[in-house]
Amino acid sequence: MSRLRAALLTTAIAVMGVSVLSTPAQAAGWVYIGVYTTKSKCIDMGQQYVREGFSQYDCTGSPGYYPLWVR
């Protein structure tokens, strides 16, 4: 289970890096960041993106699968 969790975390970090570099903070549409296993982790990352210039985040999902979207 820890290998799966590590793989998900690594993928999420890579996606976040590419998304931040390729998408301006002023983009009008929602930008997909990645999936988190807990809602609290998703919210923490969403709040970080808002601190870095995005205006909103969304962590709507189900237990074990919380996709993070920002705009």
C-alpha atoms as a PDB file:
ATOM      1  CA  MET A   1       0.000   0.000   0.000  1.00  0.00           C
ATOM      2  CA  SER A   2       2.857   2.389   0.748  1.00  0.00           C
ATOM      3  CA  ARG A   3       4.251   1.937  -2.777  1.00  0.00           C
ATOM      4  CA  LEU A   4       0.905   2.949  -4.251  1.00  0.00           C
ATOM      5  CA  ARG A   5       0.726   5.957  -1.955  1.00  0.00           C
ATOM      6  CA  ALA A   6       4.293   6.963  -2.875  1.00  0.00           C
ATOM      7  CA  ALA A   7       3.509   6.604  -6.582  1.00  0.00           C
ATOM      8  CA  LEU A   8       0.376   8.751  -6.234  1.00  0.00           C
ATOM      9  CA  LEU A   9       2.284  11.409  -4.332  1.00  0.00           C
ATOM     10  CA  THR A  10       5.109  11.447  -6.881  1.00  0.00           C
ATOM     11  CA  THR A  11       2.625  11.742  -9.743  1.00  0.00           C
ATOM     12  CA  ALA A  12       0.722  14.521  -7.981  1.00  0.00           C
ATOM     13  CA  ILE A  13       3.914  16.513  -7.416  1.00  0.00           C
ATOM     14  CA  ALA A  14       4.949  16.118 -11.057  1.00  0.00           C
ATOM     15  CA  VAL A  15       1.514  17.175 -12.306  1.00  0.00           C
ATOM     16  CA  MET A  16       1.504  20.182  -9.996  1.00  0.00           C
ATOM     17  CA  GLY A  17       4.890  21.311 -11.248  1.00  0.00           C
ATOM     18  CA  VAL A  18       3.889  21.053 -14.895  1.00  0.00           C
ATOM     19  CA  SER A  19       0.517  22.701 -14.283  1.00  0.00           C
ATOM     20  CA  VAL A  20       1.992  25.645 -12.418  1.00  0.00           C
ATOM     21  CA  LEU A  21       4.621  26.246 -15.068  1.00  0.00           C
ATOM     22  CA  SER A  22       2.294  25.916 -18.044  1.00  0.00           C
ATOM     23  CA  THR A  23      -0.842  27.695 -16.784  1.00  0.00           C
ATOM     24  CA  PRO A  24      -1.045  31.359 -15.818  1.00  0.00           C
ATOM     25  CA  ALA A  25      -2.819  32.169 -12.573  1.00  0.00           C
ATOM     26  CA  GLN A  26      -5.266  34.366 -14.483  1.00  0.00           C
ATOM     27  CA  ALA A  27      -6.662  31.434 -16.498  1.00  0.00           C
ATOM     28  CA  ALA A  28     -10.460  31.651 -16.592  1.00  0.00           C
ATOM     29  CA  GLY A  29     -11.188  27.909 -16.601  1.00  0.00           C
ATOM     30  CA  TRP A  30     -10.563  25.230 -14.018  1.00  0.00           C
ATOM     31  CA  VAL A  31      -7.132  23.568 -14.073  1.00  0.00           C
ATOM     32  CA  TYR A  32      -6.762  19.953 -12.945  1.00  0.00           C
ATOM     33  CA  ILE A  33      -3.883  19.512 -10.482  1.00  0.00           C
ATOM     34  CA  GLY A  34      -4.066  15.920  -9.260  1.00  0.00           C
ATOM     35  CA  VAL A  35      -5.754  13.435  -6.932  1.00  0.00           C
ATOM     36  CA  TYR A  36      -5.307  13.168  -3.173  1.00  0.00           C
ATOM     37  CA  THR A  37      -6.236  10.276  -0.895  1.00  0.00           C
ATOM     38  CA  THR A  38      -7.654  12.486   1.868  1.00  0.00           C
ATOM     39  CA  LYS A  39      -9.794  15.585   1.692  1.00  0.00           C
ATOM     40  CA  SER A  40      -7.553  17.399   4.181  1.00  0.00           C
ATOM     41  CA  LYS A  41      -4.481  16.949   1.924  1.00  0.00           C
ATOM     42  CA  CYS A  42      -6.491  18.198  -1.053  1.00  0.00           C
ATOM     43  CA  ILE A  43      -7.672  21.249   0.882  1.00  0.00           C
ATOM     44  CA  ASP A  44      -4.129  21.994   2.109  1.00  0.00           C
ATOM     45  CA  MET A  45      -2.804  21.952  -1.452  1.00  0.00           C
ATOM     46  CA  GLY A  46      -5.775  23.985  -2.718  1.00  0.00           C
ATOM     47  CA  GLN A  47      -5.102  26.653  -0.108  1.00  0.00           C
ATOM     48  CA  GLN A  48      -1.434  26.687  -1.126  1.00  0.00           C
ATOM     49  CA  TYR A  49      -2.420  27.333  -4.763  1.00  0.00           C
ATOM     50  CA  VAL A  50      -4.686  30.200  -3.646  1.00  0.00           C
ATOM     51  CA  ARG A  51      -1.774  31.702  -1.674  1.00  0.00           C
ATOM     52  CA  GLU A  52       0.333  31.471  -4.834  1.00  0.00           C
ATOM     53  CA  GLY A  53      -2.108  33.385  -7.037  1.00  0.00           C
ATOM     54  CA  PHE A  54      -5.104  31.270  -7.994  1.00  0.00           C
ATOM     55  CA  SER A  55      -8.500  32.541  -6.879  1.00  0.00           C
ATOM     56  CA  GLN A  56     -10.361  29.300  -6.040  1.00  0.00           C
ATOM     57  CA  TYR A  57      -9.923  25.586  -5.484  1.00  0.00           C
ATOM     58  CA  ASP A  58     -12.283  22.600  -5.439  1.00  0.00           C
ATOM     59  CA  CYS A  59     -11.785  19.224  -3.736  1.00  0.00           C
ATOM     60  CA  THR A  60     -15.081  17.524  -4.499  1.00  0.00           C
ATOM     61  CA  GLY A  61     -14.708  13.751  -4.527  1.00  0.00           C
ATOM     62  CA  SER A  62     -15.280  10.592  -2.561  1.00  0.00           C
ATOM     63  CA  PRO A  63     -13.288   8.842   0.189  1.00  0.00           C
ATOM     64  CA  GLY A  64      -9.840   7.965  -1.116  1.00  0.00           C
ATOM     65  CA  TYR A  65     -10.236   9.995  -4.331  1.00  0.00           C
ATOM     66  CA  TYR A  66     -10.228  13.795  -4.083  1.00  0.00           C
ATOM     67  CA  PRO A  67      -9.271  15.553  -7.332  1.00  0.00           C
ATOM     68  CA  LEU A  68      -7.910  19.083  -6.902  1.00  0.00           C
ATOM     69  CA  TRP A  69      -9.039  21.760  -9.373  1.00  0.00           C
ATOM     70  CA  VAL A  70      -7.927  25.398  -9.240  1.00  0.00           C
ATOM     71  CA  ARG A  71      -8.712  28.588 -11.117  1.00  0.00           C
END
